[in-house]
N, C-alpha and C. Protein backbone atom coordinates (compact mmCIF):
# COMPACT_ATOMS: atom_id res chain seq x y z
N UNK A 1 0.84 -1.18 0.00
CA UNK A 1 -0.01 0.00 -0.01
C UNK A 1 0.89 1.24 -0.01
N UNK A 2 0.65 2.17 -0.95
CA UNK A 2 1.49 3.37 -1.03
C UNK A 2 1.34 4.24 0.22
N UNK A 3 2.43 4.89 0.53
CA UNK A 3 2.41 5.78 1.70
C UNK A 3 1.71 7.09 1.34
N UNK A 4 1.32 7.83 2.35
CA UNK A 4 0.67 9.13 2.14
C UNK A 4 1.61 10.09 1.44
N UNK A 5 2.90 10.06 1.80
CA UNK A 5 3.86 10.93 1.16
C UNK A 5 4.01 10.64 -0.31
N UNK A 6 4.08 9.37 -0.67
CA UNK A 6 4.17 8.98 -2.07
C UNK A 6 2.94 9.45 -2.84
N UNK A 7 1.77 9.22 -2.27
CA UNK A 7 0.53 9.65 -2.95
C UNK A 7 0.46 11.17 -3.06
N UNK A 8 0.93 11.89 -2.07
CA UNK A 8 0.97 13.36 -2.14
C UNK A 8 1.89 13.83 -3.26
N UNK A 9 3.05 13.17 -3.39
CA UNK A 9 3.99 13.54 -4.47
C UNK A 9 3.38 13.19 -5.83
N UNK A 10 2.67 12.07 -5.90
CA UNK A 10 2.05 11.67 -7.16
C UNK A 10 0.97 12.68 -7.58
N UNK A 11 0.15 13.13 -6.62
CA UNK A 11 -0.91 14.08 -6.92
C UNK A 11 -0.39 15.48 -7.18
N UNK A 12 0.69 15.86 -6.54
CA UNK A 12 1.19 17.25 -6.65
C UNK A 12 2.70 17.27 -6.78
N UNK A 13 3.24 16.91 -7.93
CA UNK A 13 4.70 16.92 -8.09
C UNK A 13 5.28 18.33 -8.05
N UNK A 14 4.45 19.35 -8.26
CA UNK A 14 4.94 20.72 -8.22
C UNK A 14 4.87 21.31 -6.83
N UNK A 15 4.55 20.52 -5.83
CA UNK A 15 4.48 21.02 -4.46
C UNK A 15 5.82 21.53 -3.97
N UNK A 16 5.83 22.09 -2.81
CA UNK A 16 7.05 22.63 -2.21
C UNK A 16 7.81 21.52 -1.52
N UNK A 17 8.33 20.56 -2.31
CA UNK A 17 9.05 19.40 -1.74
C UNK A 17 10.48 19.77 -1.39
N UNK A 18 10.89 19.25 -0.27
CA UNK A 18 12.27 19.45 0.20
C UNK A 18 13.04 18.16 0.03
N UNK A 19 14.34 18.22 0.04
CA UNK A 19 15.16 17.03 -0.13
C UNK A 19 14.94 16.10 1.09
N UNK A 20 14.59 16.67 2.23
CA UNK A 20 14.29 15.85 3.40
C UNK A 20 13.05 14.97 3.15
N UNK A 21 12.07 15.48 2.39
CA UNK A 21 10.89 14.68 2.05
C UNK A 21 11.29 13.51 1.15
N UNK A 22 12.18 13.78 0.21
CA UNK A 22 12.66 12.75 -0.69
C UNK A 22 13.41 11.67 0.09
N UNK A 23 14.24 12.13 1.03
CA UNK A 23 15.01 11.19 1.86
C UNK A 23 14.10 10.29 2.69
N UNK A 24 13.08 10.85 3.28
CA UNK A 24 12.11 10.09 4.11
C UNK A 24 11.44 9.04 3.22
N UNK A 25 11.00 9.44 2.04
CA UNK A 25 10.33 8.50 1.13
C UNK A 25 11.27 7.38 0.70
N UNK A 26 12.50 7.71 0.40
CA UNK A 26 13.47 6.70 -0.03
C UNK A 26 13.70 5.68 1.09
N UNK A 27 13.92 6.15 2.27
CA UNK A 27 14.16 5.25 3.39
C UNK A 27 12.93 4.38 3.69
N UNK A 28 11.74 4.95 3.50
CA UNK A 28 10.51 4.22 3.73
C UNK A 28 10.36 3.05 2.74
N UNK A 29 10.86 3.23 1.52
CA UNK A 29 10.73 2.20 0.51
C UNK A 29 12.00 1.38 0.30
N UNK A 30 12.97 1.52 1.18
CA UNK A 30 14.14 0.66 1.11
C UNK A 30 15.19 1.07 0.08
N UNK A 31 15.12 2.31 -0.38
CA UNK A 31 16.13 2.80 -1.31
C UNK A 31 17.30 3.36 -0.51
N UNK A 32 18.50 3.14 -1.02
CA UNK A 32 19.65 3.79 -0.40
C UNK A 32 19.63 5.26 -0.84
N UNK A 33 19.97 6.14 0.05
CA UNK A 33 19.94 7.57 -0.21
C UNK A 33 21.26 8.16 0.26
N UNK A 34 21.91 8.91 -0.63
CA UNK A 34 23.15 9.54 -0.20
C UNK A 34 23.35 10.84 -0.93
N UNK A 35 24.04 11.76 -0.27
CA UNK A 35 24.42 13.02 -0.90
C UNK A 35 25.70 12.79 -1.68
N UNK A 36 25.81 13.43 -2.81
CA UNK A 36 27.01 13.30 -3.63
C UNK A 36 28.18 13.98 -2.96
N UNK A 37 29.37 13.51 -3.24
CA UNK A 37 30.59 14.11 -2.71
C UNK A 37 30.98 15.31 -3.55
N UNK A 38 30.90 16.49 -2.96
CA UNK A 38 31.30 17.69 -3.66
C UNK A 38 30.30 18.17 -4.70
N UNK A 39 29.10 17.61 -4.72
CA UNK A 39 28.11 18.05 -5.68
C UNK A 39 26.82 18.45 -4.94
N UNK A 40 25.94 19.05 -5.71
CA UNK A 40 24.65 19.48 -5.11
C UNK A 40 23.55 18.48 -5.46
N UNK A 41 23.93 17.26 -5.71
CA UNK A 41 22.96 16.21 -6.10
C UNK A 41 22.89 15.12 -5.02
N UNK A 42 21.75 14.45 -5.04
CA UNK A 42 21.56 13.27 -4.18
C UNK A 42 21.36 12.07 -5.08
N UNK A 43 21.66 10.89 -4.58
CA UNK A 43 21.58 9.68 -5.37
C UNK A 43 20.74 8.66 -4.60
N UNK A 44 19.83 8.02 -5.33
CA UNK A 44 18.99 6.98 -4.76
C UNK A 44 19.11 5.71 -5.57
N UNK A 45 19.05 4.59 -4.88
CA UNK A 45 19.15 3.33 -5.61
C UNK A 45 18.38 2.27 -4.85
N UNK A 46 17.59 1.51 -5.61
CA UNK A 46 16.89 0.35 -5.05
C UNK A 46 17.78 -0.86 -5.26
N UNK A 47 17.83 -1.78 -4.29
CA UNK A 47 18.71 -2.95 -4.44
C UNK A 47 18.43 -3.78 -5.71
N UNK A 48 17.21 -3.78 -6.20
CA UNK A 48 16.86 -4.56 -7.39
C UNK A 48 17.12 -3.81 -8.70
N UNK A 49 17.47 -2.55 -8.62
CA UNK A 49 17.63 -1.71 -9.80
C UNK A 49 19.07 -1.66 -10.25
N UNK A 50 19.26 -1.53 -11.55
CA UNK A 50 20.59 -1.34 -12.08
C UNK A 50 20.95 0.15 -12.13
N UNK A 51 19.96 0.98 -12.35
CA UNK A 51 20.22 2.41 -12.48
C UNK A 51 20.08 3.14 -11.16
N UNK A 52 20.79 4.24 -11.09
CA UNK A 52 20.76 5.12 -9.92
C UNK A 52 19.99 6.37 -10.33
N UNK A 53 19.07 6.80 -9.47
CA UNK A 53 18.32 8.00 -9.71
C UNK A 53 19.05 9.16 -9.04
N UNK A 54 19.25 10.24 -9.79
CA UNK A 54 19.96 11.41 -9.27
C UNK A 54 19.01 12.60 -9.30
N UNK A 55 18.96 13.32 -8.17
CA UNK A 55 18.09 14.49 -8.05
C UNK A 55 18.89 15.62 -7.47
N UNK A 56 18.81 16.81 -8.09
CA UNK A 56 19.48 17.98 -7.51
C UNK A 56 18.91 18.27 -6.11
N UNK A 57 19.75 18.60 -5.18
CA UNK A 57 19.32 18.80 -3.80
C UNK A 57 18.86 20.23 -3.52
N UNK A 58 19.06 21.11 -4.49
CA UNK A 58 18.68 22.51 -4.25
C UNK A 58 17.16 22.68 -4.33
N UNK A 59 16.68 23.69 -3.61
CA UNK A 59 15.26 24.01 -3.67
C UNK A 59 15.03 25.06 -4.73
N UNK A 60 13.91 25.10 -5.36
CA UNK A 60 12.86 24.09 -5.26
C UNK A 60 13.23 22.88 -6.13
N UNK A 61 12.77 21.74 -5.72
CA UNK A 61 12.97 20.51 -6.53
C UNK A 61 11.94 20.56 -7.63
N UNK A 62 12.41 20.50 -8.85
CA UNK A 62 11.51 20.62 -10.00
C UNK A 62 10.58 19.40 -10.08
N UNK A 63 9.36 19.63 -10.56
CA UNK A 63 8.36 18.55 -10.66
C UNK A 63 8.85 17.33 -11.47
N UNK A 64 9.67 17.56 -12.46
CA UNK A 64 10.14 16.43 -13.28
C UNK A 64 10.91 15.41 -12.42
N UNK A 65 11.66 15.88 -11.43
CA UNK A 65 12.41 14.97 -10.58
C UNK A 65 11.52 14.22 -9.59
N UNK A 66 10.47 14.89 -9.14
CA UNK A 66 9.51 14.20 -8.28
C UNK A 66 8.79 13.11 -9.06
N UNK A 67 8.40 13.44 -10.31
CA UNK A 67 7.75 12.41 -11.16
C UNK A 67 8.68 11.22 -11.39
N UNK A 68 9.96 11.51 -11.62
CA UNK A 68 10.93 10.41 -11.82
C UNK A 68 11.04 9.54 -10.59
N UNK A 69 11.06 10.15 -9.41
CA UNK A 69 11.16 9.41 -8.16
C UNK A 69 9.92 8.53 -7.98
N UNK A 70 8.75 9.07 -8.22
CA UNK A 70 7.51 8.30 -8.09
C UNK A 70 7.51 7.14 -9.05
N UNK A 71 7.91 7.35 -10.30
CA UNK A 71 8.02 6.30 -11.30
C UNK A 71 9.02 5.24 -10.90
N UNK A 72 10.14 5.66 -10.34
CA UNK A 72 11.19 4.75 -9.90
C UNK A 72 10.67 3.83 -8.79
N UNK A 73 9.96 4.41 -7.84
CA UNK A 73 9.38 3.61 -6.75
C UNK A 73 8.28 2.67 -7.31
N UNK A 74 7.47 3.18 -8.23
CA UNK A 74 6.44 2.34 -8.84
C UNK A 74 7.05 1.15 -9.60
N UNK A 75 8.16 1.39 -10.26
CA UNK A 75 8.82 0.35 -11.04
C UNK A 75 9.45 -0.72 -10.17
N UNK A 76 10.19 -0.31 -9.15
CA UNK A 76 10.94 -1.24 -8.35
C UNK A 76 10.27 -1.59 -7.02
N UNK A 77 9.11 -1.00 -6.79
CA UNK A 77 8.41 -1.31 -5.56
C UNK A 77 9.20 -0.85 -4.37
N UNK A 78 9.26 -1.62 -3.41
CA UNK A 78 9.99 -1.27 -2.23
C UNK A 78 9.85 -2.32 -1.18
N UNK A 79 10.62 -2.22 -0.18
CA UNK A 79 10.56 -3.18 0.91
C UNK A 79 9.75 -2.59 2.05
N UNK A 80 8.66 -2.03 1.74
CA UNK A 80 7.78 -1.41 2.70
C UNK A 80 6.96 -2.41 3.44
């Protein structure tokens, strides 16, 4: 069952999302989350995925990146 945060992001990708919201969602679904070394990006990876999702950590987070995150979680599910 999808979390309230995931459903909120799905309904409103243009919301005022913070990188902390993304981090909470990633941890909730079993994705590894880390800040890049010397960059302004964050990296997420699901254990079953080959690709790594990268999102700029600066605010505001553009809706395209929230949509990519939602699609990534939908594709790989999660260990929720």
